[in-house]
Structures are given as C-alpha cells and as structure tokens.
N, C-alpha and C. Protein backbone atom coordinates (compact mmCIF):
# COMPACT_ATOMS: atom_id res chain seq x y z
N MET A 1 -59.08 -47.32 37.57
CA MET A 1 -58.56 -46.68 36.38
C MET A 1 -57.45 -45.70 36.78
N ALA A 2 -56.34 -45.80 36.14
CA ALA A 2 -55.18 -44.95 36.47
C ALA A 2 -55.37 -43.56 35.88
N ARG A 3 -54.92 -42.60 36.65
CA ARG A 3 -54.98 -41.20 36.18
C ARG A 3 -53.82 -40.93 35.24
N LYS A 4 -54.13 -40.15 34.24
CA LYS A 4 -53.09 -39.72 33.31
C LYS A 4 -52.40 -38.50 33.87
N LYS A 5 -51.10 -38.50 33.81
CA LYS A 5 -50.36 -37.31 34.24
C LYS A 5 -50.43 -36.28 33.13
N VAL A 6 -50.80 -35.08 33.51
CA VAL A 6 -50.85 -33.99 32.55
C VAL A 6 -49.53 -33.26 32.60
N ARG A 7 -48.87 -33.18 31.47
CA ARG A 7 -47.59 -32.47 31.41
C ARG A 7 -47.87 -31.02 31.06
N ARG A 8 -47.45 -30.17 31.94
CA ARG A 8 -47.61 -28.75 31.68
C ARG A 8 -46.45 -28.24 30.85
N LYS A 9 -46.78 -27.31 29.99
CA LYS A 9 -45.74 -26.68 29.19
C LYS A 9 -44.91 -25.81 30.12
N ARG A 10 -43.62 -25.96 30.04
CA ARG A 10 -42.71 -25.23 30.91
C ARG A 10 -42.63 -23.77 30.49
N CYS A 11 -42.68 -22.90 31.45
CA CYS A 11 -42.58 -21.46 31.19
C CYS A 11 -41.10 -21.07 31.13
N VAL A 12 -40.69 -20.57 29.98
CA VAL A 12 -39.30 -20.14 29.81
C VAL A 12 -39.27 -18.62 29.82
N ILE A 13 -38.53 -18.08 30.78
CA ILE A 13 -38.37 -16.63 30.87
C ILE A 13 -36.91 -16.32 30.59
N ARG A 14 -36.70 -15.43 29.65
CA ARG A 14 -35.34 -15.04 29.27
C ARG A 14 -34.92 -13.81 30.07
N TYR A 15 -33.98 -14.02 30.98
CA TYR A 15 -33.46 -12.93 31.79
C TYR A 15 -32.17 -12.39 31.18
N PRO A 16 -31.94 -11.10 31.31
CA PRO A 16 -30.67 -10.56 30.81
C PRO A 16 -29.52 -11.01 31.71
N SER A 17 -28.35 -11.04 31.16
CA SER A 17 -27.15 -11.37 31.95
C SER A 17 -26.60 -10.08 32.56
N VAL A 18 -25.73 -10.23 33.53
CA VAL A 18 -25.07 -9.07 34.12
C VAL A 18 -24.25 -8.35 33.06
N SER A 19 -23.64 -9.12 32.16
CA SER A 19 -22.85 -8.48 31.10
C SER A 19 -23.73 -7.64 30.18
N LEU A 20 -24.97 -8.06 29.93
CA LEU A 20 -25.88 -7.23 29.14
C LEU A 20 -26.24 -5.95 29.89
N LEU A 21 -26.45 -6.06 31.19
CA LEU A 21 -26.75 -4.87 32.00
C LEU A 21 -25.58 -3.89 31.94
N LEU A 22 -24.37 -4.42 32.02
CA LEU A 22 -23.18 -3.55 31.93
C LEU A 22 -23.07 -2.92 30.55
N TYR A 23 -23.45 -3.66 29.53
CA TYR A 23 -23.45 -3.11 28.17
C TYR A 23 -24.47 -1.97 28.04
N ILE A 24 -25.64 -2.14 28.64
CA ILE A 24 -26.66 -1.08 28.63
C ILE A 24 -26.10 0.17 29.29
N VAL A 25 -25.40 -0.01 30.41
CA VAL A 25 -24.79 1.13 31.11
C VAL A 25 -23.76 1.81 30.21
N GLU A 26 -22.93 1.02 29.54
CA GLU A 26 -21.93 1.59 28.61
C GLU A 26 -22.60 2.42 27.51
N GLU A 27 -23.69 1.90 26.97
CA GLU A 27 -24.41 2.62 25.91
C GLU A 27 -25.04 3.91 26.45
N LEU A 28 -25.56 3.87 27.66
CA LEU A 28 -26.10 5.09 28.27
C LEU A 28 -25.00 6.13 28.44
N CYS A 29 -23.83 5.68 28.87
CA CYS A 29 -22.68 6.59 29.01
C CYS A 29 -22.30 7.21 27.67
N ARG A 30 -22.36 6.42 26.63
CA ARG A 30 -22.03 6.91 25.29
C ARG A 30 -23.06 7.92 24.80
N HIS A 31 -24.35 7.66 25.07
CA HIS A 31 -25.41 8.57 24.62
C HIS A 31 -25.54 9.82 25.48
N TYR A 32 -25.13 9.73 26.74
CA TYR A 32 -25.23 10.86 27.67
C TYR A 32 -23.86 11.13 28.29
N PRO A 33 -22.90 11.61 27.50
CA PRO A 33 -21.53 11.76 28.00
C PRO A 33 -21.38 12.80 29.11
N ARG A 34 -22.28 13.75 29.21
CA ARG A 34 -22.17 14.77 30.26
C ARG A 34 -22.69 14.29 31.61
N ASP A 35 -23.49 13.25 31.60
CA ASP A 35 -24.01 12.70 32.85
C ASP A 35 -22.97 11.76 33.45
N HIS A 36 -22.95 11.68 34.74
CA HIS A 36 -21.97 10.83 35.43
C HIS A 36 -22.61 9.48 35.75
N ILE A 37 -22.79 8.70 34.70
CA ILE A 37 -23.42 7.39 34.85
C ILE A 37 -22.34 6.35 35.09
N ALA A 38 -22.47 5.63 36.19
CA ALA A 38 -21.54 4.56 36.52
C ALA A 38 -22.26 3.55 37.41
N VAL A 39 -21.80 2.33 37.38
CA VAL A 39 -22.37 1.27 38.22
C VAL A 39 -21.88 1.45 39.64
N VAL A 40 -22.80 1.48 40.60
CA VAL A 40 -22.42 1.58 42.01
C VAL A 40 -21.75 0.28 42.44
N SER A 41 -22.40 -0.84 42.13
CA SER A 41 -21.79 -2.15 42.38
C SER A 41 -22.43 -3.20 41.48
N VAL A 42 -21.63 -4.14 41.04
CA VAL A 42 -22.15 -5.23 40.22
C VAL A 42 -23.09 -6.09 41.05
N ASP A 43 -22.84 -6.17 42.36
CA ASP A 43 -23.73 -6.92 43.25
C ASP A 43 -25.15 -6.37 43.21
N ALA A 44 -25.29 -5.06 43.10
CA ALA A 44 -26.61 -4.45 43.01
C ALA A 44 -27.33 -4.90 41.75
N LEU A 45 -26.61 -4.99 40.64
CA LEU A 45 -27.21 -5.46 39.39
C LEU A 45 -27.63 -6.92 39.51
N GLU A 46 -26.77 -7.74 40.11
CA GLU A 46 -27.10 -9.16 40.31
C GLU A 46 -28.31 -9.31 41.22
N SER A 47 -28.41 -8.46 42.22
CA SER A 47 -29.54 -8.51 43.15
C SER A 47 -30.86 -8.17 42.45
N ILE A 48 -30.82 -7.22 41.54
CA ILE A 48 -32.02 -6.86 40.77
C ILE A 48 -32.49 -8.06 39.94
N LEU A 49 -31.55 -8.73 39.29
CA LEU A 49 -31.90 -9.91 38.49
C LEU A 49 -32.47 -11.02 39.36
N GLU A 50 -31.86 -11.24 40.51
CA GLU A 50 -32.32 -12.30 41.41
C GLU A 50 -33.71 -12.00 41.96
N SER A 51 -33.99 -10.74 42.25
CA SER A 51 -35.33 -10.35 42.73
C SER A 51 -36.39 -10.68 41.69
N ALA A 52 -36.09 -10.41 40.43
CA ALA A 52 -37.04 -10.70 39.35
C ALA A 52 -37.25 -12.20 39.19
N ARG A 53 -36.17 -12.96 39.26
CA ARG A 53 -36.28 -14.43 39.15
C ARG A 53 -37.14 -14.98 40.29
N TYR A 54 -36.89 -14.51 41.48
CA TYR A 54 -37.62 -14.97 42.67
C TYR A 54 -39.10 -14.63 42.55
N ALA A 55 -39.40 -13.41 42.16
CA ALA A 55 -40.80 -12.96 42.07
C ALA A 55 -41.58 -13.80 41.07
N ALA A 56 -40.98 -14.13 39.95
CA ALA A 56 -41.67 -14.91 38.92
C ALA A 56 -41.75 -16.39 39.29
N ARG A 57 -40.71 -16.90 39.93
CA ARG A 57 -40.64 -18.32 40.25
C ARG A 57 -41.72 -18.73 41.25
N TYR A 58 -41.99 -17.90 42.22
CA TYR A 58 -42.89 -18.28 43.30
C TYR A 58 -44.28 -17.68 43.18
N THR A 59 -44.77 -17.61 41.97
CA THR A 59 -46.15 -17.17 41.77
C THR A 59 -46.87 -18.24 40.96
N ARG A 60 -48.12 -18.46 41.28
CA ARG A 60 -48.91 -19.44 40.54
C ARG A 60 -49.77 -18.69 39.54
N SER A 61 -49.19 -18.45 38.39
CA SER A 61 -49.87 -17.70 37.34
C SER A 61 -49.49 -18.27 35.99
N SER A 62 -50.13 -17.73 34.96
CA SER A 62 -49.79 -18.14 33.60
C SER A 62 -48.37 -17.68 33.27
N CYS A 63 -47.82 -18.23 32.23
CA CYS A 63 -46.46 -17.86 31.82
C CYS A 63 -46.39 -16.37 31.48
N ARG A 64 -47.40 -15.85 30.78
CA ARG A 64 -47.41 -14.43 30.42
C ARG A 64 -47.38 -13.56 31.67
N VAL A 65 -48.18 -13.91 32.66
CA VAL A 65 -48.22 -13.12 33.90
C VAL A 65 -46.89 -13.23 34.65
N LYS A 66 -46.28 -14.40 34.65
CA LYS A 66 -44.96 -14.55 35.28
C LYS A 66 -43.94 -13.63 34.63
N LYS A 67 -43.99 -13.53 33.30
CA LYS A 67 -43.07 -12.64 32.57
C LYS A 67 -43.34 -11.18 32.94
N ILE A 68 -44.60 -10.83 33.08
CA ILE A 68 -44.96 -9.46 33.45
C ILE A 68 -44.50 -9.15 34.87
N ILE A 69 -44.66 -10.11 35.77
CA ILE A 69 -44.21 -9.92 37.16
C ILE A 69 -42.70 -9.73 37.19
N ALA A 70 -41.97 -10.54 36.43
CA ALA A 70 -40.51 -10.40 36.37
C ALA A 70 -40.13 -9.05 35.79
N ALA A 71 -40.81 -8.62 34.73
CA ALA A 71 -40.53 -7.32 34.10
C ALA A 71 -40.79 -6.18 35.07
N ALA A 72 -41.92 -6.23 35.76
CA ALA A 72 -42.27 -5.18 36.72
C ALA A 72 -41.24 -5.12 37.85
N THR A 73 -40.81 -6.27 38.31
CA THR A 73 -39.81 -6.32 39.39
C THR A 73 -38.47 -5.76 38.92
N LEU A 74 -38.03 -6.15 37.74
CA LEU A 74 -36.78 -5.60 37.19
C LEU A 74 -36.85 -4.08 37.10
N PHE A 75 -37.93 -3.59 36.54
CA PHE A 75 -38.13 -2.16 36.32
C PHE A 75 -38.13 -1.41 37.66
N TYR A 76 -38.93 -1.90 38.60
CA TYR A 76 -39.07 -1.26 39.91
C TYR A 76 -37.73 -1.26 40.67
N GLU A 77 -37.08 -2.40 40.70
CA GLU A 77 -35.83 -2.52 41.45
C GLU A 77 -34.71 -1.68 40.81
N ALA A 78 -34.69 -1.60 39.49
CA ALA A 78 -33.66 -0.80 38.81
C ALA A 78 -33.80 0.68 39.14
N ILE A 79 -35.01 1.10 39.45
CA ILE A 79 -35.24 2.50 39.81
C ILE A 79 -35.03 2.73 41.30
N THR A 80 -35.58 1.89 42.13
CA THR A 80 -35.58 2.15 43.58
C THR A 80 -34.29 1.74 44.28
N ARG A 81 -33.55 0.78 43.75
CA ARG A 81 -32.30 0.36 44.40
C ARG A 81 -31.10 1.22 44.00
N HIS A 82 -31.27 2.07 43.02
CA HIS A 82 -30.20 2.97 42.56
C HIS A 82 -28.88 2.24 42.29
N PRO A 83 -28.88 1.31 41.33
CA PRO A 83 -27.63 0.60 41.03
C PRO A 83 -26.61 1.46 40.29
N LEU A 84 -27.06 2.62 39.79
CA LEU A 84 -26.17 3.53 39.06
C LEU A 84 -26.06 4.85 39.80
N THR A 85 -24.97 5.57 39.54
CA THR A 85 -24.80 6.89 40.17
C THR A 85 -25.77 7.91 39.59
N ASP A 86 -26.17 7.72 38.33
CA ASP A 86 -27.13 8.59 37.66
C ASP A 86 -27.74 7.78 36.52
N GLY A 87 -28.93 8.14 36.08
CA GLY A 87 -29.54 7.48 34.94
C GLY A 87 -30.31 6.21 35.26
N ASN A 88 -30.73 6.04 36.52
CA ASN A 88 -31.44 4.82 36.89
C ASN A 88 -32.76 4.64 36.15
N LYS A 89 -33.50 5.73 35.95
CA LYS A 89 -34.77 5.63 35.23
C LYS A 89 -34.53 5.28 33.76
N ARG A 90 -33.55 5.93 33.15
CA ARG A 90 -33.22 5.62 31.76
C ARG A 90 -32.79 4.16 31.63
N PHE A 91 -31.96 3.72 32.56
CA PHE A 91 -31.51 2.33 32.58
C PHE A 91 -32.70 1.38 32.71
N ALA A 92 -33.62 1.70 33.61
CA ALA A 92 -34.79 0.85 33.83
C ALA A 92 -35.67 0.75 32.59
N VAL A 93 -35.83 1.87 31.88
CA VAL A 93 -36.66 1.86 30.66
C VAL A 93 -36.02 0.98 29.59
N VAL A 94 -34.72 1.11 29.38
CA VAL A 94 -34.03 0.28 28.38
C VAL A 94 -34.09 -1.19 28.79
N LEU A 95 -33.87 -1.46 30.07
CA LEU A 95 -33.92 -2.82 30.58
C LEU A 95 -35.31 -3.43 30.40
N LEU A 96 -36.35 -2.66 30.71
CA LEU A 96 -37.72 -3.14 30.55
C LEU A 96 -38.00 -3.48 29.09
N ARG A 97 -37.65 -2.58 28.19
CA ARG A 97 -37.92 -2.81 26.76
C ARG A 97 -37.16 -4.05 26.25
N ALA A 98 -35.91 -4.21 26.66
CA ALA A 98 -35.13 -5.38 26.24
C ALA A 98 -35.73 -6.67 26.78
N PHE A 99 -36.13 -6.64 28.05
CA PHE A 99 -36.71 -7.83 28.68
C PHE A 99 -38.02 -8.22 28.01
N LEU A 100 -38.90 -7.25 27.80
CA LEU A 100 -40.19 -7.54 27.18
C LEU A 100 -40.02 -8.05 25.75
N LYS A 101 -39.11 -7.46 25.01
CA LYS A 101 -38.86 -7.91 23.63
C LYS A 101 -38.33 -9.34 23.61
N ALA A 102 -37.37 -9.64 24.48
CA ALA A 102 -36.79 -10.98 24.54
C ALA A 102 -37.83 -12.04 24.92
N ASN A 103 -38.84 -11.62 25.69
CA ASN A 103 -39.86 -12.55 26.15
C ASN A 103 -41.18 -12.44 25.39
N ARG A 104 -41.16 -11.67 24.31
CA ARG A 104 -42.32 -11.53 23.43
C ARG A 104 -43.57 -11.08 24.16
N VAL A 105 -43.39 -10.04 24.96
CA VAL A 105 -44.50 -9.42 25.67
C VAL A 105 -44.67 -8.02 25.10
N ARG A 106 -45.91 -7.60 24.94
CA ARG A 106 -46.19 -6.30 24.33
C ARG A 106 -45.55 -5.16 25.10
N GLN A 107 -45.00 -4.22 24.34
CA GLN A 107 -44.31 -3.05 24.91
C GLN A 107 -45.32 -1.97 25.32
N PRO A 108 -45.17 -1.40 26.50
CA PRO A 108 -46.04 -0.28 26.88
C PRO A 108 -45.59 1.00 26.17
N ALA A 109 -46.50 1.93 26.03
CA ALA A 109 -46.20 3.16 25.28
C ALA A 109 -45.40 4.17 26.10
N SER A 110 -45.70 4.31 27.35
CA SER A 110 -45.13 5.41 28.14
C SER A 110 -44.28 4.91 29.30
N ALA A 111 -43.22 4.19 29.00
CA ALA A 111 -42.38 3.60 30.05
C ALA A 111 -41.66 4.66 30.88
N TYR A 112 -41.25 5.76 30.25
CA TYR A 112 -40.53 6.77 31.02
C TYR A 112 -41.45 7.46 32.02
N GLU A 113 -42.71 7.66 31.64
CA GLU A 113 -43.68 8.25 32.57
C GLU A 113 -43.88 7.32 33.77
N ALA A 114 -43.93 6.02 33.51
CA ALA A 114 -44.05 5.05 34.60
C ALA A 114 -42.82 5.09 35.49
N ALA A 115 -41.65 5.26 34.90
CA ALA A 115 -40.41 5.35 35.68
C ALA A 115 -40.44 6.54 36.62
N ILE A 116 -40.96 7.65 36.14
CA ILE A 116 -41.07 8.84 36.99
C ILE A 116 -42.03 8.58 38.14
N ARG A 117 -43.14 7.91 37.86
CA ARG A 117 -44.11 7.61 38.93
C ARG A 117 -43.51 6.68 39.99
N VAL A 118 -42.73 5.71 39.54
CA VAL A 118 -42.06 4.82 40.50
C VAL A 118 -41.05 5.61 41.33
N ALA A 119 -40.26 6.44 40.69
CA ALA A 119 -39.24 7.23 41.39
C ALA A 119 -39.86 8.18 42.41
N ARG A 120 -41.03 8.70 42.11
CA ARG A 120 -41.73 9.60 43.05
C ARG A 120 -42.43 8.84 44.18
N GLY A 121 -42.48 7.52 44.07
CA GLY A 121 -43.16 6.72 45.08
C GLY A 121 -44.65 6.61 44.85
N GLU A 122 -45.10 7.00 43.67
CA GLU A 122 -46.53 6.97 43.35
C GLU A 122 -47.00 5.59 42.91
N TRP A 123 -46.10 4.77 42.37
CA TRP A 123 -46.47 3.44 41.88
C TRP A 123 -45.66 2.36 42.58
N SER A 124 -46.34 1.26 42.88
CA SER A 124 -45.71 0.08 43.47
C SER A 124 -45.49 -0.97 42.36
N ILE A 125 -44.92 -2.08 42.74
CA ILE A 125 -44.76 -3.18 41.77
C ILE A 125 -46.13 -3.64 41.28
N GLU A 126 -47.11 -3.68 42.17
CA GLU A 126 -48.46 -4.10 41.79
C GLU A 126 -49.05 -3.17 40.74
N ASP A 127 -48.81 -1.86 40.89
CA ASP A 127 -49.27 -0.90 39.89
C ASP A 127 -48.60 -1.16 38.54
N LEU A 128 -47.31 -1.47 38.58
CA LEU A 128 -46.58 -1.76 37.34
C LEU A 128 -47.11 -3.03 36.67
N ILE A 129 -47.41 -4.04 37.47
CA ILE A 129 -47.96 -5.28 36.91
C ILE A 129 -49.28 -5.00 36.20
N GLU A 130 -50.14 -4.25 36.85
CA GLU A 130 -51.43 -3.90 36.23
C GLU A 130 -51.22 -3.10 34.94
N TRP A 131 -50.32 -2.13 34.98
CA TRP A 131 -50.01 -1.30 33.81
C TRP A 131 -49.49 -2.16 32.66
N LEU A 132 -48.59 -3.08 32.95
CA LEU A 132 -48.02 -3.94 31.91
C LEU A 132 -49.05 -4.93 31.36
N GLN A 133 -49.97 -5.38 32.19
CA GLN A 133 -51.00 -6.31 31.72
C GLN A 133 -51.94 -5.65 30.73
N HIS A 134 -52.10 -4.36 30.84
CA HIS A 134 -53.02 -3.65 29.95
C HIS A 134 -52.31 -2.93 28.81
N ALA A 135 -51.04 -3.21 28.63
CA ALA A 135 -50.27 -2.54 27.55
C ALA A 135 -50.69 -3.06 26.19
C-alpha cells in the first residue's frame, strides 16, 4: 500500500523591508527632533533582517513559534547591534509592534521595559521568546 504524502501548510512570515526600516527611522526623527537619530549603516539594518530570517528558517517549530523567534531576533538585534546613532530601543519597539501586527501575533504590553532589559544585558533572545509566547 502506497503512503500518502502529507502536504504541510507553508508558514508565511512577513518581514519588513529595508525601506520600511528607514521610514521608521524618519518617523522617529520627526517625533524626537532634539535627539540625533540617524542610521549608522544600511548594511546593519539588512543584517538585522537577515538574522531574523535565518533564526526562523532553521527551527523546527510551529508557524506561530517561528514568527515569535523572528520577532525576538529582530527586537534583540535592533537593540544590541546599535544600527542607529541614538534611539535603538525606540526603534526596536516600533519594529517589534509592526512585525507582530503584520504577522498577526499578539502584542506584548510592556515592550519598552523589555527593551531596557535587553539593553542592560539582563535578557537574552531566549528570554524574549518566552516573554512573547506568554503575551
């Protein structure tokens, strides 16, 4: 008897484009004109996106968990890699909220507090994943 092939539903994760990241930076500059917010390098922004894609692609988890892993990686990398001269935590919070909304994942309540914990070195990506799973 021949085995039936089971077709798995493909997990679609919506990642922001570099142009969207640049738009977020422009909006932060507009909202915080006294702060010196600028992109250090576009390569740094591209690297953050690629890290998130890689982290989600090579995990054997449900689609929801893959989205959470990608979100946690984006958030963590946006804070720790310092792609901006100032405002990295604010940028990471806006990026996280946009990513979660685009991927229909529940929004956490205290994203800025989490950003501070990451910046202080108190939270790892694993901590962020756990936090996002329980949001």
